C-alpha atoms as a PDB file:
ATOM      1  CA  MET A   1      -4.899  13.305  -4.735  1.00  0.00           C
ATOM      2  CA  ILE A   2      -5.925   9.580  -4.795  1.00  0.00           C
ATOM      3  CA  TYR A   3      -5.015   6.942  -2.511  1.00  0.00           C
ATOM      4  CA  GLU A   4      -4.627   2.946  -3.747  1.00  0.00           C
ATOM      5  CA  ILE A   5      -5.757   0.639  -1.126  1.00  0.00           C
ATOM      6  CA  ALA A   6      -4.265  -2.748  -1.432  1.00  0.00           C
ATOM      7  CA  LEU A   7      -5.193  -5.607   0.923  1.00  0.00           C
ATOM      8  CA  LEU A   8      -2.262  -7.767   0.725  1.00  0.00           C
ATOM      9  CA  PRO A   9      -2.961 -11.346   2.523  1.00  0.00           C
ATOM     10  CA  VAL A  10       0.396 -12.896   3.412  1.00  0.00           C
ATOM     11  CA  HIS A  11       1.126 -16.384   4.528  1.00  0.00           C
ATOM     12  CA  ARG A  12       1.305 -16.370   8.294  1.00  0.00           C
ATOM     13  CA  GLU A  13       4.493 -18.079   8.441  1.00  0.00           C
ATOM     14  CA  GLN A  14       5.959 -15.559   5.895  1.00  0.00           C
ATOM     15  CA  ILE A  15       5.095 -12.470   7.589  1.00  0.00           C
ATOM     16  CA  GLU A  16       9.064 -11.401   8.333  1.00  0.00           C
ATOM     17  CA  ALA A  17      10.255 -12.501   4.952  1.00  0.00           C
ATOM     18  CA  PHE A  18       7.461 -10.603   3.503  1.00  0.00           C
ATOM     19  CA  ARG A  19       8.636  -7.457   4.879  1.00  0.00           C
ATOM     20  CA  LYS A  20      11.684  -7.820   3.871  1.00  0.00           C
ATOM     21  CA  ALA A  21      10.674  -8.681   0.408  1.00  0.00           C
ATOM     22  CA  PHE A  22       8.696  -5.400   0.391  1.00  0.00           C
ATOM     23  CA  ASP A  23      12.221  -3.174   1.440  1.00  0.00           C
ATOM     24  CA  LYS A  24      13.660  -4.592  -1.445  1.00  0.00           C
ATOM     25  CA  VAL A  25      11.299  -3.577  -4.206  1.00  0.00           C
ATOM     26  CA  LEU A  26      10.186  -0.646  -2.488  1.00  0.00           C
ATOM     27  CA  PRO A  27      12.203   1.682  -4.487  1.00  0.00           C
ATOM     28  CA  LEU A  28      10.410   0.356  -7.698  1.00  0.00           C
ATOM     29  CA  LEU A  29       7.246   2.212  -6.482  1.00  0.00           C
ATOM     30  CA  SER A  30       8.643   5.154  -4.732  1.00  0.00           C
ATOM     31  CA  ARG A  31      10.520   5.999  -8.103  1.00  0.00           C
ATOM     32  CA  ALA A  32       7.100   6.130 -10.075  1.00  0.00           C
ATOM     33  CA  GLN A  33       5.599   9.025 -11.765  1.00  0.00           C
ATOM     34  CA  GLY A  34       3.227  10.543  -9.280  1.00  0.00           C
ATOM     35  CA  TYR A  35       4.105   8.445  -6.566  1.00  0.00           C
ATOM     36  CA  ARG A  36       3.536  10.733  -3.711  1.00  0.00           C
ATOM     37  CA  GLY A  37       4.092   8.532  -0.365  1.00  0.00           C
ATOM     38  CA  HIS A  38       2.962   5.209   1.161  1.00  0.00           C
ATOM     39  CA  LEU A  39       2.053   3.539   4.424  1.00  0.00           C
ATOM     40  CA  LEU A  40       2.553  -0.305   4.679  1.00  0.00           C
ATOM     41  CA  ALA A  41       0.490  -1.485   7.634  1.00  0.00           C
ATOM     42  CA  GLN A  42      -0.120  -4.912   9.323  1.00  0.00           C
ATOM     43  CA  GLY A  43      -3.449  -5.742  10.494  1.00  0.00           C
ATOM     44  CA  ILE A  44      -4.035  -5.844  14.081  1.00  0.00           C
ATOM     45  CA  GLU A  45      -7.385  -8.152  14.043  1.00  0.00           C
ATOM     46  CA  THR A  46      -5.483  -9.966  10.998  1.00  0.00           C
ATOM     47  CA  PRO A  47      -1.894  -9.800  11.309  1.00  0.00           C
ATOM     48  CA  GLU A  48      -1.533 -11.641   8.440  1.00  0.00           C
ATOM     49  CA  VAL A  49      -3.030  -8.956   6.237  1.00  0.00           C
ATOM     50  CA  PHE A  50      -1.211  -6.201   5.195  1.00  0.00           C
ATOM     51  CA  ASN A  51      -2.696  -2.904   4.286  1.00  0.00           C
ATOM     52  CA  LEU A  52      -0.719  -0.842   1.844  1.00  0.00           C
ATOM     53  CA  ILE A  53      -1.881   2.805   0.893  1.00  0.00           C
ATOM     54  CA  VAL A  54       0.036   4.617  -1.882  1.00  0.00           C
ATOM     55  CA  ARG A  55      -0.842   8.133  -2.309  1.00  0.00           C
ATOM     56  CA  TRP A  56      -0.567   9.270  -5.937  1.00  0.00           C
ATOM     57  CA  ARG A  57      -0.943  12.444  -7.871  1.00  0.00           C
ATOM     58  CA  SER A  58      -3.647  11.104 -10.017  1.00  0.00           C
ATOM     59  CA  LEU A  59      -5.191   7.790 -11.043  1.00  0.00           C
ATOM     60  CA  GLU A  60      -3.679   7.975 -14.309  1.00  0.00           C
ATOM     61  CA  ASP A  61      -0.301   7.893 -12.606  1.00  0.00           C
ATOM     62  CA  HIS A  62      -1.412   4.605 -11.167  1.00  0.00           C
ATOM     63  CA  THR A  63      -3.475   2.860 -13.731  1.00  0.00           C
ATOM     64  CA  PRO A  64      -2.217   2.717 -16.539  1.00  0.00           C
ATOM     65  CA  GLY A  65       1.289   4.438 -15.475  1.00  0.00           C
ATOM     66  CA  PHE A  66       2.743   2.294 -12.610  1.00  0.00           C
ATOM     67  CA  GLU A  67       0.459  -0.743 -13.388  1.00  0.00           C
ATOM     68  CA  ALA A  68       1.547  -1.572 -17.060  1.00  0.00           C
ATOM     69  CA  SER A  69       5.114  -0.619 -16.483  1.00  0.00           C
ATOM     70  CA  GLU A  70       7.831  -3.072 -15.948  1.00  0.00           C
ATOM     71  CA  ASP A  71       8.732  -1.573 -12.589  1.00  0.00           C
ATOM     72  CA  HIS A  72       5.117  -2.838 -11.471  1.00  0.00           C
ATOM     73  CA  GLU A  73       5.701  -6.420 -12.980  1.00  0.00           C
ATOM     74  CA  ASN A  74       9.112  -6.737 -10.748  1.00  0.00           C
ATOM     75  CA  PHE A  75       7.436  -5.208  -7.861  1.00  0.00           C
ATOM     76  CA  MET A  76       4.889  -8.015  -8.016  1.00  0.00           C
ATOM     77  CA  ARG A  77       7.309 -10.563  -8.936  1.00  0.00           C
ATOM     78  CA  GLY A  78       9.388  -9.647  -5.665  1.00  0.00           C
ATOM     79  CA  LEU A  79       6.188  -9.890  -3.348  1.00  0.00           C
ATOM     80  CA  GLN A  80       3.948 -12.479  -5.136  1.00  0.00           C
ATOM     81  CA  GLU A  81       5.178 -15.734  -3.505  1.00  0.00           C
ATOM     82  CA  TYR A  82       4.396 -14.318  -0.105  1.00  0.00           C
ATOM     83  CA  PHE A  83       0.443 -14.167  -0.690  1.00  0.00           C
ATOM     84  CA  SER A  84      -1.866 -16.530   0.329  1.00  0.00           C
ATOM     85  CA  GLU A  85      -4.243 -14.922  -2.013  1.00  0.00           C
ATOM     86  CA  GLU A  86      -4.678 -12.316  -4.552  1.00  0.00           C
ATOM     87  CA  PRO A  87      -4.524  -9.001  -3.329  1.00  0.00           C
ATOM     88  CA  LYS A  88      -7.621  -6.759  -3.566  1.00  0.00           C
ATOM     89  CA  VAL A  89      -6.950  -3.342  -4.852  1.00  0.00           C
ATOM     90  CA  TYR A  90      -9.104  -0.170  -4.992  1.00  0.00           C
ATOM     91  CA  HIS A  91      -8.912   3.539  -5.417  1.00  0.00           C
ATOM     92  CA  ILE A  92     -10.318   6.670  -3.118  1.00  0.00           C
ATOM     93  CA  GLU A  93     -10.070  10.438  -3.564  1.00  0.00           C
ATOM     94  CA  GLY A  94      -8.958  12.772  -1.108  1.00  0.00           C
ATOM     95  CA  GLY A  95      -6.498  15.035   0.069  1.00  0.00           C
ATOM     96  CA  ALA A  96      -4.096  14.719   3.190  1.00  0.00           C
ATOM     97  CA  PHE A  97      -5.526  12.942   6.153  1.00  0.00           C
ATOM     98  CA  THR A  98      -6.831  15.704   8.708  1.00  0.00           C
ATOM     99  CA  ALA A  99      -8.597  15.400  11.939  1.00  0.00           C
ATOM    100  CA  SER A 100     -11.945  17.063  11.796  1.00  0.00           C
ATOM    101  CA  GLU A 101     -13.065  19.556  14.586  1.00  0.00           C
ATOM    102  CA  HIS A 102     -14.906  16.948  16.334  1.00  0.00           C
ATOM    103  CA  ASP A 103     -12.079  14.551  17.267  1.00  0.00           C
ATOM    104  CA  ASP A 104      -9.988  15.729  20.051  1.00  0.00           C
ATOM    105  CA  LEU A 105      -6.975  13.547  21.074  1.00  0.00           C
ATOM    106  CA  ASN A 106      -6.396  15.574  24.144  1.00  0.00           C
ATOM    107  CA  THR A 107     -10.180  15.012  25.947  1.00  0.00           C
ATOM    108  CA  ALA A 108     -10.071  13.021  29.298  1.00  0.00           C
ATOM    109  CA  THR A 109     -12.796  10.330  29.643  1.00  0.00           C
END
């Protein structure tokens, strides 16, 4: 299991339009071979930067798989006008997110 992490810088005045555009192109991503889910989260300190985290079965499913596909081309075409600069993409290895035994969210301070 790998995670693709994409930092998507959006023009501040285009944030709501970007959200709508993402919803429109999402089926192109979600039907990709090896796609296992995603999270799109807006930055708190930098609300014009969205973090897209996509879980893939393997690196090959994302690249060259999805990235070389017509669906990826259409996915990016549907979003590129909202970007204020080129997105940055990288990958990490890992399983599902879990809390460590040292993280106790129920502990009162």
